[in-house]
Amino acid sequence: MDKIKTSYYRVDAPIRLKDVPTLTNLNASDDQLKDRLSDIRRKIGKLQDVLYAHGKYSVLVCFQGMDTAGKDSLIREVFKDFNSRGVVVHSFKTPTSIQKKQDYLWRHYIALPARGKFGVFNRSHYENVLVTRVHPEYILGEHLPGVDSVEDITDAFWHERFEQIKAFERHLAQNGTIIFKFFLHLSKEEQKNRLLRRLRLEEKNWKFSPDDLKERTLWDKYQQYYEEAINITSTDHAPWYIIPADNKKAARTIVADIMYDELKERKDIKYPVLGEEVRAKLDVYKKQLHHE
């Protein structure tokens, strides 16, 4: 099995999505990938326990990708060995009427993980510069001052919004949030296969919507805007990782490996040490319990 190098997937320089592969099997069988994932997620689970005890950092994991990219199943499999109290998953769909009365980042702010916990965003604040760029009419629902028609949504508007998102992430990082942003890079052909599977298998029918086919016709626009968003907002403190997503098992393994690789380097995250006075009396406390 190939060694997974975090730097290979991290965006440290401008990329073109069409030049980035959507498929890898890491030269491993399905069983090998399954075993590797099982091993690495147990290790991340242990790190989560230390993170919780340490209590000074939180971890935010964002997943973006086209429909059928495998976000749901990846989240289910990668975080399977976590203590359920230490991870919270949020799925961001169309904003509610209440959310539309706030600024577009508000619903993401209130979903952020507390110190010591992991927060997983299934789709994220990037929907506000992806779906809304493909469908700029959605912006009108935000009731922004000075934006009365689609013609008011200029390049300057999007530039400002990217700057706001970068400032949001910088603020989080400066206050102890470790940020991972994963783009599940799916090929158009593989999406077609997965949509057909949803139509073919009765137990998968519920996942299908005619809107999936409408959005598919806008594939090139989505790829363009994903590419721009990734290039503009991949930073040292909040890097993007582009994950080949045509092979779901490999994608899950790569994501888990990257998180473990990065988190284990945080040497300051460790179990708290008991105060000297308490440590000096540990034997006393043991005797007290034994002689109850």
Protein backbone atom coordinates (compact mmCIF):
# COMPACT_ATOMS: atom_id res chain seq x y z
CA MET A 1 0.00 0.00 0.00
CA ASP A 2 1.29 3.44 -0.93
CA LYS A 3 2.39 5.77 1.84
CA ILE A 4 -0.06 8.65 2.23
CA LYS A 5 1.82 11.96 2.10
CA THR A 6 -0.20 14.84 3.49
CA SER A 7 1.71 17.38 1.40
CA TYR A 8 0.60 15.66 -1.82
CA TYR A 9 -3.05 16.53 -1.13
CA ARG A 10 -2.61 19.92 0.57
CA VAL A 11 -3.05 23.00 -1.61
CA ASP A 12 0.06 25.11 -1.10
CA ALA A 13 0.09 26.73 -4.55
CA PRO A 14 -2.54 27.54 -7.19
CA ILE A 15 -4.11 24.42 -8.72
CA ARG A 16 -6.25 23.55 -11.72
CA LEU A 17 -8.87 20.97 -10.80
CA LYS A 18 -8.79 19.36 -14.22
CA ASP A 19 -5.13 18.49 -13.59
CA VAL A 20 -5.83 16.88 -10.21
CA PRO A 21 -6.68 13.15 -10.26
CA THR A 22 -10.09 12.01 -9.05
CA LEU A 23 -9.12 8.35 -8.62
CA THR A 24 -6.61 6.42 -6.56
CA ASN A 25 -6.66 3.05 -4.86
CA LEU A 26 -3.31 3.63 -3.10
CA ASN A 27 -2.16 0.33 -4.63
CA ALA A 28 -4.21 -1.46 -2.00
CA SER A 29 -7.07 -3.93 -1.98
CA ASP A 30 -10.42 -3.06 -0.43
CA ASP A 31 -9.53 -5.19 2.59
CA GLN A 32 -6.21 -3.41 3.04
CA LEU A 33 -7.91 -0.02 2.85
CA LYS A 34 -10.51 -1.15 5.36
CA ASP A 35 -7.82 -2.35 7.79
CA ARG A 36 -5.80 0.83 7.39
CA LEU A 37 -8.84 3.01 8.07
CA SER A 38 -9.78 0.93 11.10
CA ASP A 39 -6.29 1.35 12.53
CA ILE A 40 -5.98 5.07 11.89
CA ARG A 41 -9.41 6.03 13.16
CA ARG A 42 -8.69 4.28 16.47
CA LYS A 43 -5.57 6.40 16.75
CA ILE A 44 -7.53 9.58 16.03
CA GLY A 45 -10.08 8.46 18.63
CA LYS A 46 -7.31 8.32 21.23
CA LEU A 47 -6.08 11.76 20.17
CA GLN A 48 -9.62 13.04 20.60
CA ASP A 49 -9.57 11.84 24.20
CA VAL A 50 -6.34 13.78 24.84
CA LEU A 51 -7.74 16.85 23.08
CA TYR A 52 -10.81 16.74 25.31
CA ALA A 53 -8.75 16.43 28.49
CA HIS A 54 -6.35 19.15 27.38
CA GLY A 55 -9.29 21.49 26.74
CA LYS A 56 -7.52 24.29 24.88
CA TYR A 57 -8.10 23.39 21.23
CA SER A 58 -11.08 22.46 19.11
CA VAL A 59 -11.00 20.85 15.66
CA LEU A 60 -13.19 21.94 12.75
CA VAL A 61 -13.41 19.54 9.80
CA CYS A 62 -15.15 20.86 6.67
CA PHE A 63 -16.26 18.67 3.77
CA GLN A 64 -17.22 20.01 0.38
CA GLY A 65 -17.91 18.20 -2.86
CA MET A 66 -20.39 17.69 -5.65
CA ASP A 67 -23.55 15.66 -5.05
CA THR A 68 -22.74 11.93 -4.55
CA ALA A 69 -19.09 12.70 -3.66
CA GLY A 70 -19.46 10.48 -0.58
CA LYS A 71 -19.50 13.03 2.25
CA ASP A 72 -22.11 11.25 4.37
CA SER A 73 -20.54 7.80 4.25
CA LEU A 74 -17.04 9.23 4.75
CA ILE A 75 -18.11 11.05 7.90
CA ARG A 76 -19.85 7.92 9.20
CA GLU A 77 -16.81 5.70 8.62
CA VAL A 78 -13.97 8.04 9.62
CA PHE A 79 -15.50 9.16 12.93
CA LYS A 80 -16.89 5.76 13.91
CA ASP A 81 -14.45 5.23 16.80
CA PHE A 82 -14.91 8.66 18.37
CA ASN A 83 -16.51 9.17 21.73
CA SER A 84 -19.93 10.46 20.66
CA ARG A 85 -19.72 13.27 23.22
CA GLY A 86 -16.57 14.58 21.56
CA VAL A 87 -17.81 15.10 17.99
CA VAL A 88 -20.80 16.96 16.57
CA VAL A 89 -21.81 16.81 12.89
CA HIS A 90 -23.73 19.64 11.22
CA SER A 91 -25.22 19.43 7.73
CA PHE A 92 -25.77 22.81 6.11
CA LYS A 93 -28.59 22.83 3.62
CA THR A 94 -30.76 25.71 2.35
CA PRO A 95 -30.84 28.42 5.05
CA THR A 96 -34.05 28.63 7.05
CA SER A 97 -36.12 31.81 7.30
CA ILE A 98 -34.60 32.48 10.73
CA GLN A 99 -31.06 32.00 9.43
CA LYS A 100 -31.72 34.38 6.54
CA LYS A 101 -32.43 37.12 9.08
CA GLN A 102 -28.81 36.88 10.27
CA ASP A 103 -25.55 37.39 8.38
CA TYR A 104 -24.52 34.39 6.28
CA LEU A 105 -21.80 33.24 8.71
CA TRP A 106 -24.07 33.28 11.77
CA ARG A 107 -25.37 29.72 11.41
CA HIS A 108 -21.79 28.50 11.08
CA TYR A 109 -20.57 30.45 14.10
CA ILE A 110 -23.19 28.94 16.38
CA ALA A 111 -22.30 25.43 15.19
CA LEU A 112 -18.57 25.72 15.94
CA PRO A 113 -17.07 23.06 18.23
CA ALA A 114 -16.34 23.86 21.86
CA ARG A 115 -12.79 23.52 23.16
CA GLY A 116 -11.85 19.87 23.42
CA LYS A 117 -14.29 18.76 20.72
CA PHE A 118 -14.44 18.02 17.01
CA GLY A 119 -17.00 19.76 14.83
CA VAL A 120 -17.75 18.30 11.40
CA PHE A 121 -19.38 20.47 8.74
CA ASN A 122 -21.09 18.42 6.02
CA ARG A 123 -21.03 21.26 3.52
CA SER A 124 -19.88 24.45 5.17
CA HIS A 125 -19.58 28.21 5.03
CA TYR A 126 -18.19 27.70 1.52
CA GLU A 127 -21.70 27.08 0.23
CA ASN A 128 -21.95 30.87 0.42
CA VAL A 129 -19.36 31.30 -2.35
CA LEU A 130 -20.17 28.16 -4.34
CA VAL A 131 -23.89 27.48 -4.71
CA THR A 132 -24.61 31.20 -4.49
CA ARG A 133 -22.13 31.94 -7.28
CA VAL A 134 -23.76 29.37 -9.52
CA HIS A 135 -27.17 30.71 -8.46
CA PRO A 136 -26.56 34.38 -7.59
CA GLU A 137 -30.31 34.94 -7.24
CA TYR A 138 -30.05 33.14 -3.89
CA ILE A 139 -28.13 36.13 -2.54
CA LEU A 140 -31.26 38.25 -2.87
CA GLY A 141 -32.80 36.13 -0.11
CA GLU A 142 -30.18 37.48 2.31
CA HIS A 143 -31.76 40.97 2.10
CA LEU A 144 -28.42 42.75 1.99
CA PRO A 145 -28.20 46.55 1.85
CA GLY A 146 -27.40 47.74 -1.66
CA VAL A 147 -28.15 44.36 -3.27
CA ASP A 148 -31.52 44.73 -4.94
CA SER A 149 -30.92 42.67 -8.08
CA VAL A 150 -28.50 40.10 -9.47
CA GLU A 151 -26.76 42.92 -11.34
CA ASP A 152 -25.66 44.33 -7.96
CA ILE A 153 -23.68 41.15 -7.23
CA THR A 154 -20.35 42.08 -8.78
CA ASP A 155 -16.85 40.61 -8.71
CA ALA A 156 -16.12 43.06 -5.89
CA PHE A 157 -18.95 41.49 -3.89
CA TRP A 158 -17.40 38.03 -4.18
CA HIS A 159 -13.91 39.34 -3.42
CA GLU A 160 -15.21 40.88 -0.21
CA ARG A 161 -17.01 37.69 0.74
CA PHE A 162 -13.82 35.65 0.29
CA GLU A 163 -11.99 38.13 2.50
CA GLN A 164 -14.70 37.76 5.15
CA ILE A 165 -14.37 33.98 5.09
CA LYS A 166 -10.59 34.18 5.37
CA ALA A 167 -10.93 36.57 8.31
CA PHE A 168 -13.45 34.19 9.92
CA GLU A 169 -11.01 31.28 9.66
CA ARG A 170 -8.06 33.35 10.82
CA HIS A 171 -10.03 34.40 13.89
CA LEU A 172 -10.89 30.76 14.65
CA ALA A 173 -7.29 29.61 14.26
CA GLN A 174 -5.98 32.40 16.48
CA ASN A 175 -8.40 31.31 19.18
CA GLY A 176 -7.46 27.63 19.22
CA THR A 177 -9.44 25.98 16.41
CA ILE A 178 -7.51 23.54 14.23
CA ILE A 179 -9.07 23.66 10.76
CA PHE A 180 -9.21 20.96 8.09
CA LYS A 181 -10.95 21.63 4.76
CA PHE A 182 -11.45 18.66 2.45
CA PHE A 183 -12.70 18.87 -1.12
CA LEU A 184 -13.87 15.46 -2.31
CA HIS A 185 -12.84 15.59 -5.96
CA LEU A 186 -15.27 13.48 -7.98
CA SER A 187 -15.26 12.87 -11.73
CA LYS A 188 -18.38 13.62 -13.77
CA GLU A 189 -18.45 10.02 -15.00
CA GLU A 190 -18.38 8.62 -11.48
CA GLN A 191 -21.16 10.96 -10.41
CA LYS A 192 -23.23 9.60 -13.32
CA ASN A 193 -22.61 6.04 -12.11
CA ARG A 194 -23.63 6.92 -8.55
CA LEU A 195 -26.79 8.68 -9.66
CA LEU A 196 -27.72 5.67 -11.79
CA ARG A 197 -27.16 3.45 -8.76
CA ARG A 198 -29.60 5.57 -6.77
CA LEU A 199 -32.17 5.05 -9.49
CA ARG A 200 -31.45 1.33 -9.89
CA LEU A 201 -31.52 0.29 -6.22
CA GLU A 202 -34.86 0.70 -4.52
CA GLU A 203 -33.30 1.26 -1.11
CA LYS A 204 -31.29 4.16 -2.60
CA ASN A 205 -34.21 5.81 -4.44
CA TRP A 206 -34.88 8.16 -1.53
CA LYS A 207 -31.51 9.83 -2.09
CA PHE A 208 -32.38 10.85 -5.64
CA SER A 209 -33.90 14.19 -6.59
CA PRO A 210 -34.58 15.56 -10.09
CA ASP A 211 -32.66 18.64 -8.92
CA ASP A 212 -29.52 16.47 -8.94
CA LEU A 213 -29.76 16.31 -12.73
CA LYS A 214 -30.38 20.06 -13.02
CA GLU A 215 -27.27 20.80 -10.95
CA ARG A 216 -25.29 18.30 -13.01
CA THR A 217 -25.85 20.43 -16.13
CA LEU A 218 -23.96 23.18 -14.27
CA TRP A 219 -20.94 20.95 -13.60
CA ASP A 220 -18.40 23.21 -15.34
CA LYS A 221 -19.53 26.27 -13.38
CA TYR A 222 -19.23 24.40 -10.11
CA GLN A 223 -15.73 23.20 -11.00
CA GLN A 224 -14.68 26.74 -11.89
CA TYR A 225 -15.98 28.20 -8.64
CA TYR A 226 -14.58 25.38 -6.50
CA GLU A 227 -11.20 25.94 -8.09
CA GLU A 228 -11.32 29.68 -7.42
CA ALA A 229 -12.51 29.22 -3.82
CA ILE A 230 -9.79 26.68 -3.06
CA ASN A 231 -7.03 28.80 -4.58
CA ILE A 232 -8.15 31.99 -2.83
CA THR A 233 -8.76 30.54 0.64
CA SER A 234 -6.13 27.83 1.17
CA THR A 235 -3.89 29.26 3.91
CA ASP A 236 -1.31 27.95 6.36
CA HIS A 237 -3.80 27.99 9.23
CA ALA A 238 -6.77 26.71 7.16
CA PRO A 239 -5.44 24.66 4.24
CA TRP A 240 -7.51 22.87 1.65
CA TYR A 241 -6.87 19.21 0.87
CA ILE A 242 -8.08 17.83 -2.46
CA ILE A 243 -9.06 14.19 -2.03
CA PRO A 244 -9.57 11.86 -5.04
CA ALA A 245 -13.15 10.69 -4.41
CA ASP A 246 -13.93 8.18 -7.17
CA ASN A 247 -12.82 5.38 -4.83
CA LYS A 248 -14.73 5.90 -1.57
CA LYS A 249 -12.61 3.54 0.54
CA ALA A 250 -9.38 5.22 -0.52
CA ALA A 251 -10.85 8.69 0.06
CA ARG A 252 -11.87 7.79 3.62
CA THR A 253 -8.42 6.39 4.36
CA ILE A 254 -6.64 9.46 3.00
CA VAL A 255 -8.81 11.87 5.00
CA ALA A 256 -8.27 9.93 8.24
CA ASP A 257 -4.54 9.68 7.62
CA ILE A 258 -4.19 13.41 6.97
CA MET A 259 -6.02 14.32 10.17
CA TYR A 260 -3.93 11.93 12.25
CA ASP A 261 -0.71 13.09 10.59
CA GLU A 262 -1.41 16.73 11.39
CA LEU A 263 -2.86 16.30 14.87
CA LYS A 264 -0.08 14.09 16.18
CA GLU A 265 2.38 16.93 15.45
CA ARG A 266 0.62 19.15 17.99
CA LYS A 267 3.02 18.24 20.78
CA ASP A 268 1.48 20.72 23.21
CA ILE A 269 -1.77 18.76 23.26
CA LYS A 270 -1.34 16.35 26.16
CA TYR A 271 -3.13 15.10 29.24
CA PRO A 272 -3.12 17.66 32.08
CA VAL A 273 -0.73 16.94 34.93
CA LEU A 274 -2.13 16.76 38.45
CA GLY A 275 -0.95 19.42 40.84
CA GLU A 276 1.94 18.53 43.15
CA GLU A 277 -0.24 18.55 46.25
CA VAL A 278 -2.73 16.06 44.76
CA ARG A 279 0.01 13.83 43.30
CA ALA A 280 1.77 13.70 46.67
CA LYS A 281 -1.39 12.27 48.24
CA LEU A 282 -2.33 9.68 45.60
CA ASP A 283 -1.46 6.78 47.93
CA VAL A 284 -3.57 8.36 50.67
CA TYR A 285 -6.56 8.57 48.36
CA LYS A 286 -6.09 4.95 47.26
CA LYS A 287 -6.02 3.76 50.87
CA GLN A 288 -9.08 5.82 51.64
CA LEU A 289 -11.00 4.11 48.84
CA HIS A 290 -9.74 0.62 49.73
CA HIS A 291 -10.81 1.04 53.36
CA GLU A 292 -14.33 2.31 52.75
